[in-house]
Amino acid sequence: MKLDTSHMRYLTSDDFKVLQALELGTRNHELVPTTLIHTLGGLRSVTGTNRSIGDLAKLKLVSRLRNAKYDGFRLTYSGYDYLALKSMLNRETLYSVGTTIGVGKESDIYSVSDPEGVAKVLKIHRLGRTSFKTVKNNRDYLKNKHTSNWMYLSRLAAEKEFEFMTILYQNDFTVPQPFDYSRHCVMMEWIKGMPMKHLRKHKNHQRLYSDLMNFIVKLANHGLIHCDFNEFNIIIRDDESVKDHEFDFVVIDFPQCVSIEHVDAKQYFDRDVEGIRSFFEKKFRYKPTQDPTMLDTEGYGDGYKYAYPDFERDIQRVKSLDVEVKASGYAKKRTGVREDKDLEQAVMSMRLNTGEDEDEGELDDEEDDDEDEEDDDEDSNEYDLEDEDEGDEEEEENLHQENEKIIEALQSGVKNLKMDKLGNYIIDDEDET
């Protein structure tokens, strides 16, 4: 999914009203009826709404499904990108978007600048790129709402990551400073350096090893486990910028973090530790062993008593950041929020699929983009529906009838139209007379 902002300057306020209407309608519809778009958008005339929809469809910011049983549109990821960027522009935290920095399994990374010209990083969450392949079969609520729900889950992931980064930065962890977030986008500090994956040599790799192990322990002592702590998510600062900082590394990527109370906490902790041990053994042929003659337990590796951290031996809670950010696994019996459950299901595959070859992931992404572009070239305003059985058709017909009721309720202003906690429209049958 490529980010193209060249058309943003030509969009009118009505165009953004239509996009916002589609965003709102998508919460309860995979295909938002045109009448509902007009009602939610608040444009003066239906003609103006239709004209705006047509313009947005040409730019592939909205799309229509082929063989749909009623006239309607859905918001594309490009349209969702525009809404997020527009929100940051309005808050004056974003001024321009630059080039692509990297493409990950569940996100795209771009260089951006603020109104003062300061370089920053924009991370765009795109859940569903890989996790959709492994999770969709056991998530019935995504059955007829693939696109809209993955946008919704991407927004939850961005919100959660911004929350994690904010509280970690405030507690003096070596993470990028977060500046802003909107929908599925998070803006953060630009770190001058390179991913540890590309590290060829280091002036003191023994100290780096110990510092990284201490980070894992410190994070756990504050109630959190990273769950994807490896060379892909650690940035080594360059020689110039490291002079102003205590440590020469910065840790990124937090939406999959869990609490130390999580049922699999020890497993995730041990995997994070093993990820660092494997990297240093492979890259520097550095494999320290435990030395009982040493008394120093303030670090790990050569010169210290322990070669690497142990969950049961080294973790002593000093703070409850996991409770503050409601990390997965904390006080599980007392939490039943649907949003938390949805996000937990989505990021589960991120925890299970860590350590995969990043280049292979980028290749898969490019192939997916090529497939999308081929579909767009075939028909810029239409997309094929997935194969459905007879049960799906019956369910879709029921959904269509429900949509018609909601549209009629919006137009007539009936009192029995309500919203649930997720913003979905619901017709309360008990209030009907």
Protein backbone atom coordinates (compact mmCIF):
# COMPACT_ATOMS: atom_id res chain seq x y z
CA MET A 1 0.00 0.00 0.00
CA LYS A 2 1.73 3.15 -1.23
CA LEU A 3 0.99 6.56 0.27
CA ASP A 4 0.30 9.16 -2.43
CA THR A 5 -0.54 12.61 -1.06
CA SER A 6 -0.37 14.46 -4.39
CA HIS A 7 -4.15 14.81 -4.62
CA MET A 8 -4.77 16.05 -1.09
CA ARG A 9 -4.35 19.72 -1.95
CA TYR A 10 -7.18 19.49 -4.48
CA LEU A 11 -9.78 17.99 -2.15
CA THR A 12 -12.54 20.29 -0.96
CA SER A 13 -14.14 20.47 2.47
CA ASP A 14 -17.12 18.58 1.03
CA ASP A 15 -14.81 15.79 -0.08
CA PHE A 16 -13.48 15.38 3.45
CA LYS A 17 -17.04 15.45 4.82
CA VAL A 18 -17.88 12.54 2.54
CA LEU A 19 -14.75 10.66 3.64
CA GLN A 20 -15.66 11.23 7.29
CA ALA A 21 -19.21 10.06 6.59
CA LEU A 22 -17.84 6.89 5.02
CA GLU A 23 -15.56 6.37 8.00
CA LEU A 24 -18.50 6.64 10.37
CA GLY A 25 -20.76 4.47 8.25
CA THR A 26 -18.04 1.83 7.85
CA ARG A 27 -18.28 1.06 11.55
CA ASN A 28 -21.50 -0.78 10.85
CA HIS A 29 -21.31 -1.46 7.10
CA GLU A 30 -18.81 -3.06 4.77
CA LEU A 31 -20.63 -1.20 2.00
CA VAL A 32 -22.07 2.17 3.12
CA PRO A 33 -25.31 3.08 1.28
CA THR A 34 -25.17 6.32 -0.71
CA THR A 35 -28.19 7.66 1.14
CA LEU A 36 -26.47 7.09 4.46
CA ILE A 37 -23.31 8.83 3.19
CA HIS A 38 -25.37 11.91 2.33
CA THR A 39 -27.15 11.87 5.70
CA LEU A 40 -23.95 11.54 7.72
CA GLY A 41 -21.97 13.97 5.54
CA GLY A 42 -24.45 16.79 5.99
CA LEU A 43 -23.99 18.19 2.48
CA ARG A 44 -26.72 20.50 1.23
CA SER A 45 -27.75 18.46 -1.80
CA VAL A 46 -27.64 14.84 -2.90
CA THR A 47 -26.12 16.04 -6.18
CA GLY A 48 -23.17 17.52 -4.30
CA THR A 49 -22.66 14.27 -2.40
CA ASN A 50 -22.75 12.20 -5.60
CA ARG A 51 -20.31 14.56 -7.32
CA SER A 52 -17.90 14.31 -4.41
CA ILE A 53 -18.19 10.52 -4.32
CA GLY A 54 -17.41 10.39 -8.02
CA ASP A 55 -14.31 12.55 -7.61
CA LEU A 56 -13.09 10.47 -4.67
CA ALA A 57 -13.67 7.23 -6.58
CA LYS A 58 -11.51 8.47 -9.46
CA LEU A 59 -8.68 9.04 -6.95
CA LYS A 60 -9.33 5.56 -5.45
CA LEU A 61 -10.07 7.03 -2.04
CA VAL A 62 -13.44 5.26 -2.07
CA SER A 63 -14.56 2.19 -4.00
CA ARG A 64 -17.71 0.34 -5.01
CA LEU A 65 -18.15 -3.41 -4.74
CA ARG A 66 -19.04 -5.34 -7.87
CA ASN A 67 -22.36 -7.23 -7.88
CA ALA A 68 -23.47 -5.53 -4.67
CA LYS A 69 -27.19 -5.75 -3.98
CA TYR A 70 -27.56 -2.07 -3.23
CA ASP A 71 -25.81 1.14 -4.21
CA GLY A 72 -23.03 2.02 -1.82
CA PHE A 73 -19.31 2.61 -1.32
CA ARG A 74 -16.55 1.76 1.08
CA LEU A 75 -13.54 3.71 2.34
CA THR A 76 -10.20 2.52 0.97
CA TYR A 77 -6.95 2.56 2.91
CA SER A 78 -5.84 5.54 0.82
CA GLY A 79 -8.94 7.43 1.91
CA TYR A 80 -8.25 6.49 5.51
CA ASP A 81 -4.68 7.77 5.11
CA TYR A 82 -5.98 11.11 3.87
CA LEU A 83 -8.29 11.48 6.88
CA ALA A 84 -5.44 10.80 9.31
CA LEU A 85 -3.06 13.20 7.56
CA LYS A 86 -5.72 15.90 7.35
CA SER A 87 -6.31 15.63 11.09
CA MET A 88 -2.59 16.12 11.82
CA LEU A 89 -2.43 19.03 9.38
CA ASN A 90 -5.31 20.70 11.17
CA ARG A 91 -3.51 20.26 14.51
CA GLU A 92 -0.34 21.70 12.92
CA THR A 93 1.79 18.75 13.98
CA LEU A 94 2.44 17.73 10.36
CA TYR A 95 3.54 19.83 7.41
CA SER A 96 4.84 17.52 4.68
CA VAL A 97 5.30 13.83 3.87
CA GLY A 98 8.57 12.56 2.46
CA THR A 99 9.82 9.20 1.26
CA THR A 100 9.32 5.66 2.49
CA ILE A 101 11.77 4.63 5.21
CA GLY A 102 10.68 1.02 5.54
CA VAL A 103 7.93 -1.53 5.05
CA GLY A 104 7.13 -3.99 7.81
CA LYS A 105 4.79 -6.91 8.31
CA GLU A 106 2.08 -4.72 9.81
CA SER A 107 3.07 -1.12 9.04
CA ASP A 108 4.63 1.39 6.65
CA ILE A 109 7.19 3.95 7.83
CA TYR A 110 7.57 7.41 6.23
CA SER A 111 9.74 10.44 6.78
CA VAL A 112 7.74 13.59 7.52
CA SER A 113 8.39 17.10 8.80
CA ASP A 114 6.54 19.42 11.14
CA PRO A 115 5.74 23.11 10.42
CA GLU A 116 9.18 24.09 11.81
CA GLY A 117 10.91 21.78 9.33
CA VAL A 118 12.00 19.24 11.96
CA ALA A 119 12.29 15.73 10.53
CA LYS A 120 10.07 13.14 12.17
CA VAL A 121 8.79 9.64 11.50
CA LEU A 122 5.24 8.62 10.62
CA LYS A 123 4.27 5.01 11.25
CA ILE A 124 1.11 3.87 9.47
CA HIS A 125 -0.38 0.71 10.95
CA ARG A 126 -1.82 -1.70 8.40
CA LEU A 127 -3.04 -4.69 10.37
CA GLY A 128 -4.36 -7.45 8.19
CA ARG A 129 -1.45 -7.41 5.77
CA THR A 130 -0.13 -10.70 7.21
CA SER A 131 -2.18 -11.40 10.32
CA PHE A 132 -5.33 -11.62 8.18
CA LYS A 133 -3.95 -14.81 6.62
CA THR A 134 -3.59 -16.55 9.99
CA VAL A 135 -6.43 -15.14 12.06
CA LYS A 136 -9.39 -14.72 9.71
CA ASN A 137 -10.60 -18.30 10.00
CA ASN A 138 -11.39 -18.03 13.71
CA ARG A 139 -12.79 -14.51 13.75
CA ASP A 140 -16.41 -14.70 12.69
CA TYR A 141 -17.11 -11.02 13.20
CA LEU A 142 -14.79 -10.22 10.28
CA LYS A 143 -16.73 -12.48 7.95
CA ASN A 144 -18.47 -9.77 5.96
CA LYS A 145 -16.48 -6.75 7.11
CA HIS A 146 -12.88 -7.46 6.17
CA THR A 147 -11.67 -4.02 5.13
CA SER A 148 -13.55 -1.90 7.66
CA ASN A 149 -12.57 -4.03 10.63
CA TRP A 150 -8.89 -4.11 9.75
CA MET A 151 -8.94 -0.31 9.50
CA TYR A 152 -10.65 -0.21 12.86
CA LEU A 153 -8.08 -2.59 14.37
CA SER A 154 -5.22 -0.62 12.83
CA ARG A 155 -6.57 2.46 14.60
CA LEU A 156 -6.66 0.57 17.90
CA ALA A 157 -3.07 -0.61 17.38
CA ALA A 158 -1.88 2.95 16.68
CA GLU A 159 -3.69 4.27 19.73
CA LYS A 160 -2.21 1.52 21.90
CA GLU A 161 1.32 2.05 20.58
CA PHE A 162 1.10 5.81 21.17
CA GLU A 163 -0.06 5.07 24.70
CA PHE A 164 2.82 2.64 25.30
CA MET A 165 5.43 5.02 23.88
CA THR A 166 4.13 7.98 25.86
CA ILE A 167 4.24 6.24 29.23
CA LEU A 168 7.62 4.60 28.51
CA TYR A 169 9.14 7.89 27.39
CA GLN A 170 7.85 9.58 30.54
CA ASN A 171 9.51 6.83 32.60
CA ASP A 172 12.93 7.37 30.99
CA PHE A 173 13.00 4.34 28.72
CA THR A 174 15.09 4.59 25.56
CA VAL A 175 12.18 4.86 23.12
CA PRO A 176 11.36 7.50 20.47
CA GLN A 177 9.50 10.55 21.71
CA PRO A 178 5.87 10.34 20.55
CA PHE A 179 4.35 13.55 19.19
CA ASP A 180 0.92 12.82 17.77
CA TYR A 181 -1.39 10.14 16.45
CA SER A 182 -4.55 10.07 14.37
CA ARG A 183 -6.53 6.99 13.43
CA HIS A 184 -3.94 4.42 12.30
CA CYS A 185 -0.97 6.81 12.16
CA VAL A 186 1.62 7.60 14.85
CA MET A 187 4.14 10.44 14.59
CA MET A 188 7.35 10.05 16.56
CA GLU A 189 10.92 11.26 16.92
CA TRP A 190 13.39 10.70 14.10
CA ILE A 191 16.29 8.61 15.42
CA LYS A 192 19.60 9.20 13.65
CA GLY A 193 21.03 5.73 13.28
CA MET A 194 20.35 2.36 11.72
CA PRO A 195 18.52 -0.86 12.63
CA MET A 196 20.68 -3.23 14.65
CA LYS A 197 20.07 -5.80 11.91
CA HIS A 198 22.52 -3.89 9.69
CA LEU A 199 25.16 -3.53 12.41
CA ARG A 200 28.53 -4.83 11.18
CA LYS A 201 30.78 -3.85 14.07
CA HIS A 202 30.50 -2.07 17.42
CA LYS A 203 33.14 -0.46 19.59
CA ASN A 204 31.86 -2.26 22.69
CA HIS A 205 29.39 -5.00 21.82
CA GLN A 206 29.74 -6.53 25.32
CA ARG A 207 28.32 -3.39 26.88
CA LEU A 208 25.59 -3.17 24.22
CA TYR A 209 24.61 -6.76 25.02
CA SER A 210 24.40 -5.99 28.73
CA ASP A 211 22.44 -2.75 28.18
CA LEU A 212 19.89 -4.52 25.99
CA MET A 213 19.42 -7.27 28.56
CA ASN A 214 19.00 -4.63 31.27
CA PHE A 215 16.33 -2.96 29.12
CA ILE A 216 14.35 -6.22 28.98
CA VAL A 217 14.59 -6.59 32.76
CA LYS A 218 13.78 -2.95 33.48
CA LEU A 219 10.75 -3.12 31.21
CA ALA A 220 9.53 -6.28 32.96
CA ASN A 221 10.12 -4.73 36.39
CA HIS A 222 7.76 -1.98 35.27
CA GLY A 223 5.16 -4.59 34.31
CA LEU A 224 5.67 -5.01 30.55
CA ILE A 225 7.22 -7.46 28.08
CA HIS A 226 8.02 -6.28 24.56
CA CYS A 227 7.27 -9.62 22.80
CA ASP A 228 9.21 -8.69 19.64
CA PHE A 229 12.57 -7.62 21.02
CA ASN A 230 15.03 -8.35 18.23
CA GLU A 231 17.48 -6.71 15.80
CA PHE A 232 14.64 -5.42 13.62
CA ASN A 233 13.13 -3.31 16.42
CA ILE A 234 16.32 -1.84 17.90
CA ILE A 235 17.97 1.23 16.37
CA ILE A 236 21.64 1.95 17.03
CA ARG A 237 22.35 5.68 17.19
CA ASP A 238 25.10 7.11 15.01
CA ASP A 239 28.31 8.39 16.60
CA GLU A 240 27.21 12.02 16.40
CA SER A 241 23.85 11.70 18.16
CA VAL A 242 24.96 9.20 20.79
CA LYS A 243 27.02 11.91 22.51
CA ASP A 244 23.84 13.47 23.87
CA HIS A 245 22.34 10.24 25.21
CA GLU A 246 23.14 7.74 27.93
CA PHE A 247 22.58 4.70 25.71
CA ASP A 248 23.44 4.17 22.07
CA PHE A 249 20.24 2.28 21.19
CA VAL A 250 16.52 3.01 20.92
CA VAL A 251 13.74 0.42 21.04
CA ILE A 252 10.70 0.68 18.76
CA ASP A 253 7.46 -1.18 17.93
CA PHE A 254 5.20 -1.70 20.96
CA PRO A 255 1.59 -2.57 20.04
CA GLN A 256 2.11 -6.26 20.86
CA CYS A 257 3.41 -5.68 24.43
CA VAL A 258 1.91 -7.78 27.22
CA SER A 259 1.77 -7.61 30.99
CA ILE A 260 4.05 -9.72 33.16
CA GLU A 261 0.79 -11.16 34.50
CA HIS A 262 -0.01 -12.59 31.06
CA VAL A 263 -0.42 -16.36 31.01
CA ASP A 264 2.45 -16.64 28.51
CA ALA A 265 4.60 -13.89 30.05
CA LYS A 266 7.59 -16.14 30.80
CA GLN A 267 7.53 -17.58 27.29
CA TYR A 268 7.55 -14.11 25.70
CA PHE A 269 10.24 -12.89 28.10
CA ASP A 270 12.50 -15.87 27.36
CA ARG A 271 11.98 -15.39 23.63
CA ASP A 272 13.03 -11.72 23.84
CA VAL A 273 16.17 -12.73 25.74
CA GLU A 274 16.93 -15.54 23.30
CA GLY A 275 16.51 -13.15 20.37
CA ILE A 276 19.33 -10.94 21.67
CA ARG A 277 21.54 -13.91 22.57
CA SER A 278 21.13 -15.41 19.10
CA PHE A 279 21.92 -12.14 17.36
CA PHE A 280 25.13 -11.52 19.31
CA GLU A 281 26.26 -15.11 18.89
CA LYS A 282 25.66 -14.94 15.15
CA LYS A 283 26.95 -11.40 14.52
CA PHE A 284 29.84 -11.11 17.01
CA ARG A 285 30.40 -14.75 18.00
CA TYR A 286 29.70 -13.56 21.53
CA LYS A 287 28.21 -16.20 23.83
CA PRO A 288 28.86 -15.37 27.50
CA THR A 289 28.40 -18.00 30.19
CA GLN A 290 27.49 -17.71 33.84
CA ASP A 291 30.44 -16.96 36.12
CA PRO A 292 29.75 -17.71 39.84
CA THR A 293 33.04 -16.05 40.83
CA MET A 294 31.65 -12.65 39.84
CA LEU A 295 29.54 -10.74 42.34
CA ASP A 296 28.26 -7.97 40.06
CA THR A 297 24.61 -8.52 39.12
CA GLU A 298 23.96 -5.04 37.69
CA GLY A 299 24.43 -6.33 34.15
CA TYR A 300 24.76 -9.48 32.07
CA GLY A 301 27.56 -11.14 30.12
CA ASP A 302 31.32 -11.01 30.60
CA GLY A 303 32.33 -9.47 33.90
CA TYR A 304 28.94 -10.12 35.51
CA LYS A 305 27.61 -13.04 37.49
CA TYR A 306 24.82 -13.96 35.09
CA ALA A 307 25.09 -14.44 31.33
CA TYR A 308 21.48 -13.50 30.64
CA PRO A 309 18.26 -12.63 32.54
CA ASP A 310 15.94 -15.18 34.06
CA PHE A 311 12.24 -14.37 34.46
CA GLU A 312 11.72 -15.93 37.87
CA ARG A 313 15.09 -14.86 39.29
CA ASP A 314 15.42 -11.27 38.05
CA ILE A 315 11.91 -9.84 37.73
CA GLN A 316 10.76 -7.80 40.72
CA ARG A 317 7.89 -5.44 40.04
CA VAL A 318 8.70 -1.83 40.89
CA LYS A 319 5.91 -0.17 38.93
CA SER A 320 2.63 -1.12 37.25
CA LEU A 321 2.79 0.44 33.81
CA ASP A 322 0.90 -2.57 32.47
CA VAL A 323 -2.09 -1.54 34.58
CA GLU A 324 -1.87 2.08 33.49
CA VAL A 325 -1.92 1.21 29.79
CA LYS A 326 -4.17 -1.84 30.21
CA ALA A 327 -1.66 -4.15 28.54
CA SER A 328 -2.81 -7.56 27.42
CA GLY A 329 -2.90 -10.00 30.30
CA TYR A 330 -3.27 -7.55 33.18
CA ALA A 331 -6.17 -8.30 35.53
CA LYS A 332 -7.71 -10.41 32.78
CA LYS A 333 -10.76 -11.44 34.79
CA ARG A 334 -11.77 -7.82 35.35
CA THR A 335 -11.51 -6.70 31.73
CA GLY A 336 -14.13 -7.52 29.15
CA VAL A 337 -13.94 -4.53 26.82
CA ARG A 338 -14.68 -5.61 23.25
CA GLU A 339 -12.03 -3.28 21.80
CA ASP A 340 -9.32 -4.89 23.94
CA LYS A 341 -10.42 -8.35 22.81
CA ASP A 342 -10.47 -7.34 19.15
CA LEU A 343 -6.99 -5.85 19.29
CA GLU A 344 -5.67 -8.83 21.23
CA GLN A 345 -6.90 -11.17 18.49
CA ALA A 346 -5.23 -9.05 15.80
CA VAL A 347 -1.81 -8.66 17.42
CA MET A 348 -1.69 -12.32 18.45
CA SER A 349 -0.26 -13.26 15.05
CA MET A 350 2.32 -10.48 15.38
CA ARG A 351 3.63 -12.21 18.49
CA LEU A 352 3.53 -15.63 16.85
CA ASN A 353 5.25 -14.55 13.62
CA THR A 354 8.20 -12.61 15.02
CA GLY A 355 11.70 -13.18 13.69
CA GLU A 356 10.60 -13.70 10.08
CA ASP A 357 12.85 -12.46 7.32
CA GLU A 358 11.98 -8.81 6.75
CA ASP A 359 13.03 -8.80 3.11
CA GLU A 360 10.64 -11.65 2.42
CA GLY A 361 7.90 -9.65 4.11
CA GLU A 362 8.63 -6.67 1.87
CA LEU A 363 8.45 -8.90 -1.19
CA ASP A 364 5.09 -10.24 -0.10
CA ASP A 365 3.85 -6.69 0.43
CA GLU A 366 4.97 -5.66 -3.05
CA GLU A 367 3.17 -8.64 -4.55
CA ASP A 368 0.02 -7.69 -2.67
CA ASP A 369 0.34 -4.13 -3.95
CA ASP A 370 0.75 -5.39 -7.50
CA GLU A 371 -2.40 -7.45 -7.15
CA ASP A 372 -4.28 -4.43 -5.83
CA GLU A 373 -3.04 -2.28 -8.70
CA GLU A 374 -4.14 -4.89 -11.23
CA ASP A 375 -7.61 -4.85 -9.72
CA ASP A 376 -7.65 -1.07 -9.83
CA ASP A 377 -6.62 -1.00 -13.47
CA GLU A 378 -9.38 -3.43 -14.35
CA ASP A 379 -12.01 -1.21 -12.79
CA SER A 380 -11.10 1.77 -10.62
CA ASN A 381 -14.50 1.93 -8.97
CA GLU A 382 -15.30 -1.77 -8.53
CA TYR A 383 -13.90 -4.63 -6.51
CA ASP A 384 -14.77 -8.31 -6.66
CA LEU A 385 -16.67 -9.79 -3.76
CA GLU A 386 -15.14 -12.93 -2.26
CA ASP A 387 -16.81 -16.26 -3.00
CA GLU A 388 -19.82 -16.73 -0.78
CA ASP A 389 -21.96 -19.75 -0.05
CA GLU A 390 -25.73 -19.75 0.26
CA GLY A 391 -25.55 -19.01 3.97
CA ASP A 392 -23.46 -15.91 3.29
CA GLU A 393 -26.00 -14.65 0.73
CA GLU A 394 -28.81 -15.05 3.23
CA GLU A 395 -26.78 -13.23 5.88
CA GLU A 396 -25.99 -10.43 3.44
CA GLU A 397 -29.69 -10.07 2.60
CA ASN A 398 -30.44 -9.71 6.32
CA LEU A 399 -27.68 -7.11 6.58
CA HIS A 400 -29.17 -5.25 3.62
CA GLN A 401 -32.58 -5.15 5.31
CA GLU A 402 -30.97 -3.87 8.50
CA ASN A 403 -29.19 -1.15 6.51
CA GLU A 404 -32.46 -0.03 4.97
CA LYS A 405 -34.04 0.24 8.42
CA ILE A 406 -31.14 2.33 9.70
CA ILE A 407 -31.30 4.67 6.69
CA GLU A 408 -35.03 5.11 7.16
CA ALA A 409 -34.51 5.80 10.86
CA LEU A 410 -31.84 8.43 10.14
CA GLN A 411 -34.08 10.19 7.66
CA SER A 412 -37.18 10.16 9.83
CA GLY A 413 -35.40 10.92 13.11
CA VAL A 414 -37.07 8.12 15.04
CA LYS A 415 -36.21 7.79 18.70
CA ASN A 416 -35.37 4.07 18.67
CA LEU A 417 -32.08 4.59 16.75
CA LYS A 418 -29.17 4.26 19.15
CA MET A 419 -25.41 3.75 19.10
CA ASP A 420 -23.42 1.07 20.86
CA LYS A 421 -19.99 1.60 22.46
CA LEU A 422 -18.23 1.10 19.14
CA GLY A 423 -20.30 3.74 17.38
CA ASN A 424 -22.45 1.23 15.47
CA TYR A 425 -26.05 2.14 14.70
CA ILE A 426 -28.60 -0.09 16.42
CA ILE A 427 -32.38 -0.10 16.16
CA ASP A 428 -33.85 -0.83 19.57
CA ASP A 429 -36.85 -3.05 18.82
CA GLU A 430 -38.12 -2.75 22.39
CA ASP A 431 -38.83 0.95 21.86
CA GLU A 432 -40.83 0.34 18.67
CA THR A 433 -44.55 0.82 18.91
